[in-house]
C-alpha atoms as a PDB file:
ATOM      1  CA  MET A   1      94.588 -46.791  -3.646  1.00  0.00           C
ATOM      2  CA  ALA A   2      96.387 -46.116  -6.917  1.00  0.00           C
ATOM      3  CA  THR A   3      98.435 -42.945  -7.175  1.00  0.00           C
ATOM      4  CA  PRO A   4      96.623 -40.475  -9.479  1.00  0.00           C
ATOM      5  CA  VAL A   5      98.250 -39.455 -12.740  1.00  0.00           C
ATOM      6  CA  ARG A   6      99.992 -36.105 -12.261  1.00  0.00           C
ATOM      7  CA  ILE A   7      99.514 -33.656 -15.130  1.00  0.00           C
ATOM      8  CA  ALA A   8     101.356 -30.345 -15.459  1.00  0.00           C
ATOM      9  CA  PHE A   9      99.686 -27.263 -16.904  1.00  0.00           C
ATOM     10  CA  GLN A  10     100.438 -23.553 -17.075  1.00  0.00           C
ATOM     11  CA  GLY A  11      98.575 -21.370 -14.607  1.00  0.00           C
ATOM     12  CA  GLU A  12      96.611 -21.803 -11.408  1.00  0.00           C
ATOM     13  CA  LEU A  13      93.805 -24.213 -10.621  1.00  0.00           C
ATOM     14  CA  GLY A  14      90.697 -23.019 -12.430  1.00  0.00           C
ATOM     15  CA  ALA A  15      92.541 -22.216 -15.662  1.00  0.00           C
ATOM     16  CA  PHE A  16      91.110 -23.426 -18.965  1.00  0.00           C
ATOM     17  CA  SER A  17      94.068 -25.832 -19.144  1.00  0.00           C
ATOM     18  CA  GLU A  18      92.645 -27.610 -16.104  1.00  0.00           C
ATOM     19  CA  GLU A  19      89.368 -28.000 -17.997  1.00  0.00           C
ATOM     20  CA  ALA A  20      91.333 -29.575 -20.869  1.00  0.00           C
ATOM     21  CA  ILE A  21      92.812 -32.045 -18.377  1.00  0.00           C
ATOM     22  CA  LEU A  22      89.328 -32.979 -17.156  1.00  0.00           C
ATOM     23  CA  GLN A  23      88.177 -33.538 -20.717  1.00  0.00           C
ATOM     24  CA  LEU A  24      91.111 -35.795 -21.524  1.00  0.00           C
ATOM     25  CA  TRP A  25      91.580 -37.810 -18.347  1.00  0.00           C
ATOM     26  CA  GLY A  26      88.575 -37.344 -16.108  1.00  0.00           C
ATOM     27  CA  SER A  27      88.613 -36.294 -12.479  1.00  0.00           C
ATOM     28  CA  ASP A  28      90.813 -39.062 -11.020  1.00  0.00           C
ATOM     29  CA  VAL A  29      94.004 -37.150 -11.792  1.00  0.00           C
ATOM     30  CA  GLU A  30      96.128 -34.531 -10.071  1.00  0.00           C
ATOM     31  CA  PRO A  31      96.519 -31.278 -12.039  1.00  0.00           C
ATOM     32  CA  VAL A  32      99.873 -29.699 -11.182  1.00  0.00           C
ATOM     33  CA  PRO A  33     100.084 -25.900 -11.753  1.00  0.00           C
ATOM     34  CA  GLN A  34     103.237 -24.416 -13.275  1.00  0.00           C
ATOM     35  CA  ARG A  35     104.264 -20.789 -13.726  1.00  0.00           C
ATOM     36  CA  GLU A  36     105.445 -20.773 -17.363  1.00  0.00           C
ATOM     37  CA  PHE A  37     104.997 -22.961 -20.431  1.00  0.00           C
ATOM     38  CA  ARG A  38     108.604 -24.154 -20.276  1.00  0.00           C
ATOM     39  CA  ASP A  39     108.052 -25.054 -16.629  1.00  0.00           C
ATOM     40  CA  VAL A  40     105.266 -27.370 -17.798  1.00  0.00           C
ATOM     41  CA  VAL A  41     107.615 -29.117 -20.222  1.00  0.00           C
ATOM     42  CA  ASN A  42     110.460 -29.311 -17.714  1.00  0.00           C
ATOM     43  CA  ALA A  43     108.180 -30.868 -15.088  1.00  0.00           C
ATOM     44  CA  LEU A  44     107.382 -33.630 -17.569  1.00  0.00           C
ATOM     45  CA  ARG A  45     110.999 -34.090 -18.630  1.00  0.00           C
ATOM     46  CA  SER A  46     112.183 -34.309 -15.022  1.00  0.00           C
ATOM     47  CA  GLY A  47     109.671 -37.033 -14.170  1.00  0.00           C
ATOM     48  CA  SER A  48     107.927 -34.974 -11.486  1.00  0.00           C
ATOM     49  CA  VAL A  49     104.686 -35.349 -13.474  1.00  0.00           C
ATOM     50  CA  ASP A  50     103.371 -38.071 -15.771  1.00  0.00           C
ATOM     51  CA  ARG A  51     101.832 -35.928 -18.495  1.00  0.00           C
ATOM     52  CA  ALA A  52     101.689 -32.297 -19.594  1.00  0.00           C
ATOM     53  CA  VAL A  53      99.111 -30.145 -21.385  1.00  0.00           C
ATOM     54  CA  LEU A  54      99.767 -27.025 -23.465  1.00  0.00           C
ATOM     55  CA  PRO A  55      97.352 -24.734 -25.353  1.00  0.00           C
ATOM     56  CA  LEU A  56      98.329 -24.694 -29.017  1.00  0.00           C
ATOM     57  CA  GLU A  57      95.893 -22.360 -30.767  1.00  0.00           C
ATOM     58  CA  ASN A  58      92.760 -20.298 -30.271  1.00  0.00           C
ATOM     59  CA  THR A  59      90.037 -19.594 -32.801  1.00  0.00           C
ATOM     60  CA  ILE A  60      90.169 -15.816 -32.224  1.00  0.00           C
ATOM     61  CA  VAL A  61      93.828 -14.937 -31.664  1.00  0.00           C
ATOM     62  CA  GLY A  62      95.495 -17.887 -33.399  1.00  0.00           C
ATOM     63  CA  SER A  63      98.636 -19.657 -32.240  1.00  0.00           C
ATOM     64  CA  VAL A  64      99.956 -19.642 -28.680  1.00  0.00           C
ATOM     65  CA  GLN A  65     103.561 -18.833 -29.485  1.00  0.00           C
ATOM     66  CA  ALA A  66     105.015 -19.649 -26.061  1.00  0.00           C
ATOM     67  CA  SER A  67     103.676 -23.198 -26.318  1.00  0.00           C
ATOM     68  CA  HIS A  68     105.272 -23.690 -29.721  1.00  0.00           C
ATOM     69  CA  ASP A  69     108.584 -22.418 -28.403  1.00  0.00           C
ATOM     70  CA  ALA A  70     108.408 -24.779 -25.408  1.00  0.00           C
ATOM     71  CA  ILE A  71     107.758 -27.724 -27.738  1.00  0.00           C
ATOM     72  CA  ASP A  72     110.587 -26.626 -30.007  1.00  0.00           C
ATOM     73  CA  ALA A  73     113.050 -26.323 -27.130  1.00  0.00           C
ATOM     74  CA  TYR A  74     113.160 -30.045 -26.288  1.00  0.00           C
ATOM     75  CA  ASP A  75     113.081 -33.130 -28.487  1.00  0.00           C
ATOM     76  CA  ASP A  76     112.330 -35.636 -25.701  1.00  0.00           C
ATOM     77  CA  LEU A  77     108.584 -35.070 -25.370  1.00  0.00           C
ATOM     78  CA  PHE A  78     105.860 -36.548 -27.529  1.00  0.00           C
ATOM     79  CA  ALA A  79     102.348 -35.373 -28.409  1.00  0.00           C
ATOM     80  CA  ILE A  80      99.801 -38.059 -27.463  1.00  0.00           C
ATOM     81  CA  ALA A  81      96.349 -36.421 -27.518  1.00  0.00           C
ATOM     82  CA  GLU A  82      94.393 -33.284 -28.314  1.00  0.00           C
ATOM     83  CA  THR A  83      91.167 -31.730 -27.096  1.00  0.00           C
ATOM     84  CA  VAL A  84      89.228 -28.534 -27.735  1.00  0.00           C
ATOM     85  CA  VAL A  85      87.815 -26.432 -24.894  1.00  0.00           C
ATOM     86  CA  ALA A  86      85.001 -23.929 -25.316  1.00  0.00           C
ATOM     87  CA  VAL A  87      86.352 -20.686 -23.866  1.00  0.00           C
ATOM     88  CA  HIS A  88      83.892 -18.250 -22.293  1.00  0.00           C
ATOM     89  CA  HIS A  89      85.491 -15.369 -20.418  1.00  0.00           C
ATOM     90  CA  CYS A  90      83.811 -13.517 -17.573  1.00  0.00           C
ATOM     91  CA  LEU A  91      84.723 -10.342 -15.752  1.00  0.00           C
ATOM     92  CA  LEU A  92      85.085 -11.354 -12.091  1.00  0.00           C
ATOM     93  CA  GLY A  93      85.103  -9.119  -9.033  1.00  0.00           C
ATOM     94  CA  PRO A  94      85.102  -9.534  -5.239  1.00  0.00           C
ATOM     95  CA  PRO A  95      81.814 -10.528  -3.597  1.00  0.00           C
ATOM     96  CA  GLY A  96      79.391  -7.627  -3.521  1.00  0.00           C
ATOM     97  CA  SER A  97      81.306  -5.509  -6.022  1.00  0.00           C
ATOM     98  CA  ARG A  98      79.682  -3.847  -9.043  1.00  0.00           C
ATOM     99  CA  PHE A  99      80.919  -3.375 -12.588  1.00  0.00           C
ATOM    100  CA  GLU A 100      80.690   0.412 -12.214  1.00  0.00           C
ATOM    101  CA  GLN A 101      83.404   0.264  -9.540  1.00  0.00           C
ATOM    102  CA  VAL A 102      85.980  -1.528 -11.678  1.00  0.00           C
ATOM    103  CA  THR A 103      88.935   0.469 -12.972  1.00  0.00           C
ATOM    104  CA  HIS A 104      91.663  -2.198 -13.338  1.00  0.00           C
ATOM    105  CA  VAL A 105      91.354  -5.569 -15.108  1.00  0.00           C
ATOM    106  CA  PHE A 106      93.915  -8.387 -14.977  1.00  0.00           C
ATOM    107  CA  SER A 107      94.279 -11.520 -17.099  1.00  0.00           C
ATOM    108  CA  HIS A 108      96.553 -13.485 -19.397  1.00  0.00           C
ATOM    109  CA  PRO A 109      97.397 -11.497 -22.562  1.00  0.00           C
ATOM    110  CA  VAL A 110      95.864 -14.165 -24.813  1.00  0.00           C
ATOM    111  CA  ALA A 111      92.589 -13.987 -22.858  1.00  0.00           C
ATOM    112  CA  LEU A 112      92.586 -10.192 -23.020  1.00  0.00           C
ATOM    113  CA  ALA A 113      93.121 -10.341 -26.778  1.00  0.00           C
ATOM    114  CA  GLN A 114      90.055 -12.570 -27.096  1.00  0.00           C
ATOM    115  CA  CYS A 115      87.952  -9.815 -25.480  1.00  0.00           C
ATOM    116  CA  GLY A 116      89.061  -6.854 -27.584  1.00  0.00           C
ATOM    117  CA  GLY A 117      85.528  -5.773 -28.436  1.00  0.00           C
ATOM    118  CA  PHE A 118      84.517  -5.613 -24.778  1.00  0.00           C
ATOM    119  CA  PHE A 119      87.465  -3.428 -23.826  1.00  0.00           C
ATOM    120  CA  ALA A 120      86.880  -1.168 -26.828  1.00  0.00           C
ATOM    121  CA  GLN A 121      83.366  -0.653 -25.473  1.00  0.00           C
ATOM    122  CA  TYR A 122      84.714   0.313 -22.038  1.00  0.00           C
ATOM    123  CA  PRO A 123      87.927   2.262 -22.754  1.00  0.00           C
ATOM    124  CA  HIS A 124      88.128   3.601 -19.189  1.00  0.00           C
ATOM    125  CA  LEU A 125      89.195   0.148 -17.958  1.00  0.00           C
ATOM    126  CA  ASP A 126      92.942  -0.083 -17.354  1.00  0.00           C
ATOM    127  CA  VAL A 127      93.979  -3.523 -18.633  1.00  0.00           C
ATOM    128  CA  HIS A 128      96.964  -5.394 -17.162  1.00  0.00           C
ATOM    129  CA  ALA A 129      98.505  -8.561 -18.619  1.00  0.00           C
ATOM    130  CA  VAL A 130      99.524 -11.220 -16.083  1.00  0.00           C
ATOM    131  CA  TYR A 131     100.689 -14.809 -16.392  1.00  0.00           C
ATOM    132  CA  ASP A 132      97.351 -16.630 -16.060  1.00  0.00           C
ATOM    133  CA  THR A 133      93.569 -16.178 -16.068  1.00  0.00           C
ATOM    134  CA  ALA A 134      92.992 -18.210 -12.906  1.00  0.00           C
ATOM    135  CA  GLY A 135      96.012 -16.556 -11.266  1.00  0.00           C
ATOM    136  CA  ALA A 136      94.402 -13.185 -11.956  1.00  0.00           C
ATOM    137  CA  ALA A 137      91.201 -14.438 -10.326  1.00  0.00           C
ATOM    138  CA  LEU A 138      93.169 -15.608  -7.279  1.00  0.00           C
ATOM    139  CA  ASP A 139      94.869 -12.216  -6.994  1.00  0.00           C
ATOM    140  CA  VAL A 140      91.553 -10.360  -7.225  1.00  0.00           C
ATOM    141  CA  SER A 141      90.132 -12.629  -4.530  1.00  0.00           C
ATOM    142  CA  ASN A 142      93.078 -11.939  -2.243  1.00  0.00           C
ATOM    143  CA  LEU A 143      92.980  -8.164  -2.854  1.00  0.00           C
ATOM    144  CA  ALA A 144      89.227  -7.918  -2.160  1.00  0.00           C
ATOM    145  CA  ASP A 145      89.224  -4.453  -3.754  1.00  0.00           C
ATOM    146  CA  PRO A 146      86.102  -3.646  -5.841  1.00  0.00           C
ATOM    147  CA  THR A 147      88.176  -1.548  -8.262  1.00  0.00           C
ATOM    148  CA  PHE A 148      90.117  -4.674  -9.349  1.00  0.00           C
ATOM    149  CA  ALA A 149      88.649  -7.388 -11.568  1.00  0.00           C
ATOM    150  CA  ALA A 150      89.887 -10.402 -13.517  1.00  0.00           C
ATOM    151  CA  VAL A 151      89.003 -11.981 -16.841  1.00  0.00           C
ATOM    152  CA  ALA A 152      88.678 -15.704 -16.194  1.00  0.00           C
ATOM    153  CA  SER A 153      86.285 -18.653 -16.329  1.00  0.00           C
ATOM    154  CA  ARG A 154      83.137 -19.437 -14.405  1.00  0.00           C
ATOM    155  CA  ILE A 155      85.034 -22.271 -12.734  1.00  0.00           C
ATOM    156  CA  SER A 156      87.583 -19.709 -11.491  1.00  0.00           C
ATOM    157  CA  ALA A 157      84.719 -17.608 -10.141  1.00  0.00           C
ATOM    158  CA  ARG A 158      83.503 -20.549  -8.104  1.00  0.00           C
ATOM    159  CA  ARG A 159      86.926 -21.693  -6.980  1.00  0.00           C
ATOM    160  CA  TYR A 160      87.969 -18.244  -5.726  1.00  0.00           C
ATOM    161  CA  GLN A 161      84.492 -17.106  -4.607  1.00  0.00           C
ATOM    162  CA  LEU A 162      84.182 -14.154  -6.973  1.00  0.00           C
ATOM    163  CA  ASP A 163      81.108 -12.525  -8.470  1.00  0.00           C
ATOM    164  CA  ILE A 164      80.501 -12.543 -12.219  1.00  0.00           C
ATOM    165  CA  LEU A 165      80.174  -8.862 -13.125  1.00  0.00           C
ATOM    166  CA  LYS A 166      79.937  -9.410 -16.895  1.00  0.00           C
ATOM    167  CA  ALA A 167      79.466 -12.825 -18.498  1.00  0.00           C
ATOM    168  CA  ASP A 168      80.744 -14.153 -21.833  1.00  0.00           C
ATOM    169  CA  ILE A 169      82.738 -11.094 -22.872  1.00  0.00           C
ATOM    170  CA  GLU A 170      84.785 -12.885 -25.557  1.00  0.00           C
ATOM    171  CA  ASP A 171      84.571 -11.488 -29.085  1.00  0.00           C
ATOM    172  CA  ARG A 172      82.788 -14.607 -30.404  1.00  0.00           C
ATOM    173  CA  ASN A 173      80.533 -17.023 -28.562  1.00  0.00           C
ATOM    174  CA  ASP A 174      82.139 -19.945 -30.420  1.00  0.00           C
ATOM    175  CA  ASN A 175      85.571 -19.115 -28.991  1.00  0.00           C
ATOM    176  CA  GLN A 176      87.646 -22.294 -28.559  1.00  0.00           C
ATOM    177  CA  THR A 177      91.187 -23.301 -27.671  1.00  0.00           C
ATOM    178  CA  ARG A 178      92.910 -26.497 -28.808  1.00  0.00           C
ATOM    179  CA  PHE A 179      95.169 -28.223 -26.292  1.00  0.00           C
ATOM    180  CA  ILE A 180      97.829 -30.882 -26.855  1.00  0.00           C
ATOM    181  CA  ALA A 181      98.833 -33.488 -24.255  1.00  0.00           C
ATOM    182  CA  PHE A 182     102.424 -34.709 -24.003  1.00  0.00           C
ATOM    183  CA  ALA A 183     104.260 -37.698 -22.552  1.00  0.00           C
ATOM    184  CA  ARG A 184     107.891 -38.785 -22.319  1.00  0.00           C
ATOM    185  CA  GLU A 185     107.265 -41.595 -24.813  1.00  0.00           C
ATOM    186  CA  PRO A 186     104.901 -41.963 -27.775  1.00  0.00           C
ATOM    187  CA  LEU A 187     101.738 -43.979 -27.177  1.00  0.00           C
ATOM    188  CA  PRO A 188     100.752 -46.727 -29.646  1.00  0.00           C
ATOM    189  CA  LEU A 189      97.362 -46.363 -31.310  1.00  0.00           C
ATOM    190  CA  PRO A 190      95.131 -49.079 -32.807  1.00  0.00           C
ATOM    191  CA  PRO A 191      95.273 -49.409 -36.613  1.00  0.00           C
ATOM    192  CA  GLY A 192      92.564 -47.415 -38.346  1.00  0.00           C
ATOM    193  CA  THR A 193      92.395 -44.713 -35.657  1.00  0.00           C
ATOM    194  CA  PRO A 194      91.665 -41.292 -37.215  1.00  0.00           C
ATOM    195  CA  ALA A 195      94.880 -39.524 -36.252  1.00  0.00           C
ATOM    196  CA  ARG A 196      96.829 -36.317 -36.613  1.00  0.00           C
ATOM    197  CA  SER A 197     100.611 -36.089 -36.738  1.00  0.00           C
ATOM    198  CA  MET A 198     102.795 -33.113 -35.888  1.00  0.00           C
ATOM    199  CA  LEU A 199     106.181 -32.538 -37.504  1.00  0.00           C
ATOM    200  CA  LEU A 200     108.767 -29.878 -36.766  1.00  0.00           C
ATOM    201  CA  LEU A 201     111.025 -29.177 -39.721  1.00  0.00           C
ATOM    202  CA  THR A 202     113.636 -26.800 -41.022  1.00  0.00           C
ATOM    203  CA  THR A 203     114.507 -26.290 -44.665  1.00  0.00           C
ATOM    204  CA  THR A 204     117.485 -25.074 -46.603  1.00  0.00           C
ATOM    205  CA  ASP A 205     117.531 -21.384 -47.496  1.00  0.00           C
ATOM    206  CA  VAL A 206     116.851 -21.730 -51.217  1.00  0.00           C
ATOM    207  CA  PRO A 207     113.835 -20.811 -53.380  1.00  0.00           C
ATOM    208  CA  GLY A 208     111.070 -23.398 -53.197  1.00  0.00           C
ATOM    209  CA  ALA A 209     112.590 -25.313 -50.262  1.00  0.00           C
ATOM    210  CA  LEU A 210     109.380 -25.403 -48.199  1.00  0.00           C
ATOM    211  CA  LEU A 211     107.288 -26.231 -51.264  1.00  0.00           C
ATOM    212  CA  HIS A 212     109.506 -29.201 -52.102  1.00  0.00           C
ATOM    213  CA  ALA A 213     109.538 -30.380 -48.489  1.00  0.00           C
ATOM    214  CA  LEU A 214     105.737 -30.413 -48.233  1.00  0.00           C
ATOM    215  CA  ALA A 215     104.984 -31.674 -51.760  1.00  0.00           C
ATOM    216  CA  PRO A 216     104.877 -35.356 -50.632  1.00  0.00           C
ATOM    217  CA  LEU A 217     101.717 -34.624 -48.627  1.00  0.00           C
ATOM    218  CA  ALA A 218      99.876 -33.631 -51.787  1.00  0.00           C
ATOM    219  CA  SER A 219     101.363 -36.385 -53.939  1.00  0.00           C
ATOM    220  CA  HIS A 220     100.186 -39.027 -51.444  1.00  0.00           C
ATOM    221  CA  GLY A 221      96.755 -37.433 -50.993  1.00  0.00           C
ATOM    222  CA  ILE A 222      97.289 -36.515 -47.327  1.00  0.00           C
ATOM    223  CA  ASN A 223      95.569 -33.398 -46.004  1.00  0.00           C
ATOM    224  CA  MET A 224      97.760 -30.848 -44.231  1.00  0.00           C
ATOM    225  CA  ARG A 225      95.675 -29.228 -41.505  1.00  0.00           C
ATOM    226  CA  ARG A 226      98.002 -26.544 -40.221  1.00  0.00           C
ATOM    227  CA  ILE A 227     101.407 -24.918 -40.615  1.00  0.00           C
ATOM    228  CA  GLU A 228     103.017 -22.524 -38.143  1.00  0.00           C
ATOM    229  CA  THR A 229     106.309 -20.636 -38.483  1.00  0.00           C
ATOM    230  CA  ARG A 230     108.589 -19.935 -35.531  1.00  0.00           C
ATOM    231  CA  PRO A 231     112.133 -18.480 -35.413  1.00  0.00           C
ATOM    232  CA  THR A 232     114.982 -20.892 -34.682  1.00  0.00           C
ATOM    233  CA  GLY A 233     116.959 -18.343 -32.679  1.00  0.00           C
ATOM    234  CA  ASP A 234     119.461 -17.800 -35.473  1.00  0.00           C
ATOM    235  CA  PRO A 235     118.802 -14.493 -37.282  1.00  0.00           C
ATOM    236  CA  TRP A 236     116.168 -14.847 -40.025  1.00  0.00           C
ATOM    237  CA  SER A 237     116.034 -18.616 -39.758  1.00  0.00           C
ATOM    238  CA  TYR A 238     112.752 -20.466 -39.175  1.00  0.00           C
ATOM    239  CA  ARG A 239     111.216 -23.779 -38.177  1.00  0.00           C
ATOM    240  CA  PHE A 240     107.825 -24.984 -39.350  1.00  0.00           C
ATOM    241  CA  PHE A 241     105.242 -26.853 -37.303  1.00  0.00           C
ATOM    242  CA  VAL A 242     103.194 -28.992 -39.678  1.00  0.00           C
ATOM    243  CA  GLU A 243     100.121 -31.044 -38.768  1.00  0.00           C
ATOM    244  CA  PHE A 244      98.416 -33.474 -41.132  1.00  0.00           C
ATOM    245  CA  ASP A 245      95.543 -35.954 -40.876  1.00  0.00           C
ATOM    246  CA  HIS A 246      95.641 -39.676 -41.651  1.00  0.00           C
ATOM    247  CA  GLN A 247      94.666 -43.044 -40.256  1.00  0.00           C
ATOM    248  CA  VAL A 248      96.968 -45.064 -38.051  1.00  0.00           C
ATOM    249  CA  GLY A 249      98.541 -47.814 -40.122  1.00  0.00           C
ATOM    250  CA  ASP A 250      98.340 -45.929 -43.407  1.00  0.00           C
ATOM    251  CA  GLU A 251     101.460 -47.073 -45.281  1.00  0.00           C
ATOM    252  CA  ASP A 252     101.686 -43.742 -47.105  1.00  0.00           C
ATOM    253  CA  VAL A 253     102.468 -41.896 -43.871  1.00  0.00           C
ATOM    254  CA  GLY A 254     105.896 -43.451 -43.396  1.00  0.00           C
ATOM    255  CA  ALA A 255     106.727 -42.748 -47.008  1.00  0.00           C
ATOM    256  CA  VAL A 256     105.573 -39.148 -46.701  1.00  0.00           C
ATOM    257  CA  ILE A 257     107.714 -38.505 -43.622  1.00  0.00           C
ATOM    258  CA  GLY A 258     110.702 -40.087 -45.332  1.00  0.00           C
ATOM    259  CA  GLU A 259     110.248 -37.947 -48.439  1.00  0.00           C
ATOM    260  CA  ILE A 260     109.804 -34.787 -46.357  1.00  0.00           C
ATOM    261  CA  ALA A 261     112.997 -35.626 -44.460  1.00  0.00           C
ATOM    262  CA  ALA A 262     114.837 -36.124 -47.759  1.00  0.00           C
ATOM    263  CA  ASN A 263     113.785 -32.650 -48.926  1.00  0.00           C
ATOM    264  CA  ALA A 264     114.286 -30.822 -45.603  1.00  0.00           C
ATOM    265  CA  ARG A 265     117.361 -29.984 -43.581  1.00  0.00           C
ATOM    266  CA  ALA A 266     115.915 -31.552 -40.402  1.00  0.00           C
ATOM    267  CA  VAL A 267     112.645 -33.218 -39.381  1.00  0.00           C
ATOM    268  CA  ARG A 268     111.350 -34.162 -35.935  1.00  0.00           C
ATOM    269  CA  VAL A 269     108.174 -36.172 -35.423  1.00  0.00           C
ATOM    270  CA  VAL A 270     106.596 -34.501 -32.395  1.00  0.00           C
ATOM    271  CA  GLY A 271     103.855 -37.110 -32.177  1.00  0.00           C
ATOM    272  CA  THR A 272     100.797 -38.858 -33.557  1.00  0.00           C
ATOM    273  CA  TYR A 273      97.520 -38.641 -31.646  1.00  0.00           C
ATOM    274  CA  PRO A 274      93.793 -39.344 -32.149  1.00  0.00           C
ATOM    275  CA  ARG A 275      91.969 -36.456 -33.786  1.00  0.00           C
ATOM    276  CA  TRP A 276      89.512 -34.539 -31.665  1.00  0.00           C
ATOM    277  CA  GLU A 277      85.904 -34.755 -32.793  1.00  0.00           C
ATOM    278  CA  ALA A 278      83.227 -32.178 -32.031  1.00  0.00           C
ATOM    279  CA  GLY A 279      80.655 -33.452 -29.570  1.00  0.00           C
ATOM    280  CA  ARG A 280      83.082 -35.818 -27.852  1.00  0.00           C
ATOM    281  CA  ARG A 281      85.093 -34.973 -24.753  1.00  0.00           C
ATOM    282  CA  GLY A 282      88.756 -35.322 -25.500  1.00  0.00           C
ATOM    283  CA  SER A 283      90.389 -37.352 -28.217  1.00  0.00           C
ATOM    284  CA  ILE A 284      91.449 -40.502 -26.421  1.00  0.00           C
ATOM    285  CA  GLY A 285      89.723 -43.592 -25.153  1.00  0.00           C
ATOM    286  CA  TRP A 286      90.273 -42.876 -21.481  1.00  0.00           C
ATOM    287  CA  LYS A 287      87.402 -42.269 -19.105  1.00  0.00           C
ATOM    288  CA  SER A 288      85.497 -39.073 -19.811  1.00  0.00           C
ATOM    289  CA  VAL A 289      83.979 -36.903 -17.133  1.00  0.00           C
ATOM    290  CA  ASP A 290      81.159 -34.433 -16.818  1.00  0.00           C
ATOM    291  CA  LEU A 291      82.648 -31.020 -16.114  1.00  0.00           C
ATOM    292  CA  PRO A 292      81.574 -29.238 -12.924  1.00  0.00           C
ATOM    293  CA  ASP A 293      78.170 -27.568 -13.109  1.00  0.00           C
ATOM    294  CA  VAL A 294      78.955 -23.871 -13.154  1.00  0.00           C
ATOM    295  CA  SER A 295      75.345 -22.726 -13.095  1.00  0.00           C
ATOM    296  CA  ASP A 296      75.195 -22.936  -9.282  1.00  0.00           C
ATOM    297  CA  PRO A 297      77.780 -20.546  -7.770  1.00  0.00           C
ATOM    298  CA  ALA A 298      77.391 -22.188  -4.374  1.00  0.00           C
ATOM    299  CA  GLY A 299      78.443 -25.619  -5.593  1.00  0.00           C
ATOM    300  CA  ASP A 300      81.834 -27.248  -5.182  1.00  0.00           C
ATOM    301  CA  VAL A 301      84.481 -27.070  -7.902  1.00  0.00           C
END
């Protein structure tokens, strides 16, 4: 029997990152939980796992800064795929507990921020930020105290045998998170593949430096999809994550990257990967999988 592909992610089993792994690779893989985002990257760099997955941005709260900083920290990992996970948060309590008993709620700070309207409606709830949604669910399961609840997924409820006290408490029902998969080497893509590339660049500290660096995208008719600013660590100095769309094999892309590099102080190509499309699981041609049915709380995860 072939050894399953090992894929690192931040959090415990049952986290939304595990769902991203299922969407990208299917079920014949081994998700490997890690404590922090940099632990995910270091597991990949060390060779203890084959791939890694990080959440990049959410439609409600925006960028996941810790993921960007983990990507920025090392130049020996490459983005190879993306997927988008529908994120529906539930308030989970021990079996037999009731919402009226809950006084303390635990979850990842990004998840809590996606449920601001719910917590404004119930200001008596004492909210606590922890390192992971599924980890919060595991803790609530172990505590078995009806005054403690977690914000996590339906899959976490099933995995840790918790009751759903309030369902779909996110601020918007179209809440989604985009995840990026990484490898130690770039993966070749067939010509003509609708792709997205990610660059990490720094500019000189002069007026118009960023404008001049990004101008080649417009001059070559290439659509920039996203730009994100992160500090370099030096006081008041910044790096820019830039993503743009193109087709694999487009001759303009190499010229654009070369012109950006000529106008910037430093440029790193983080990776090129197939663009995610709504209605399709994942963004790569590997086997897809039907996610576990979460409608039956007695079923297996």
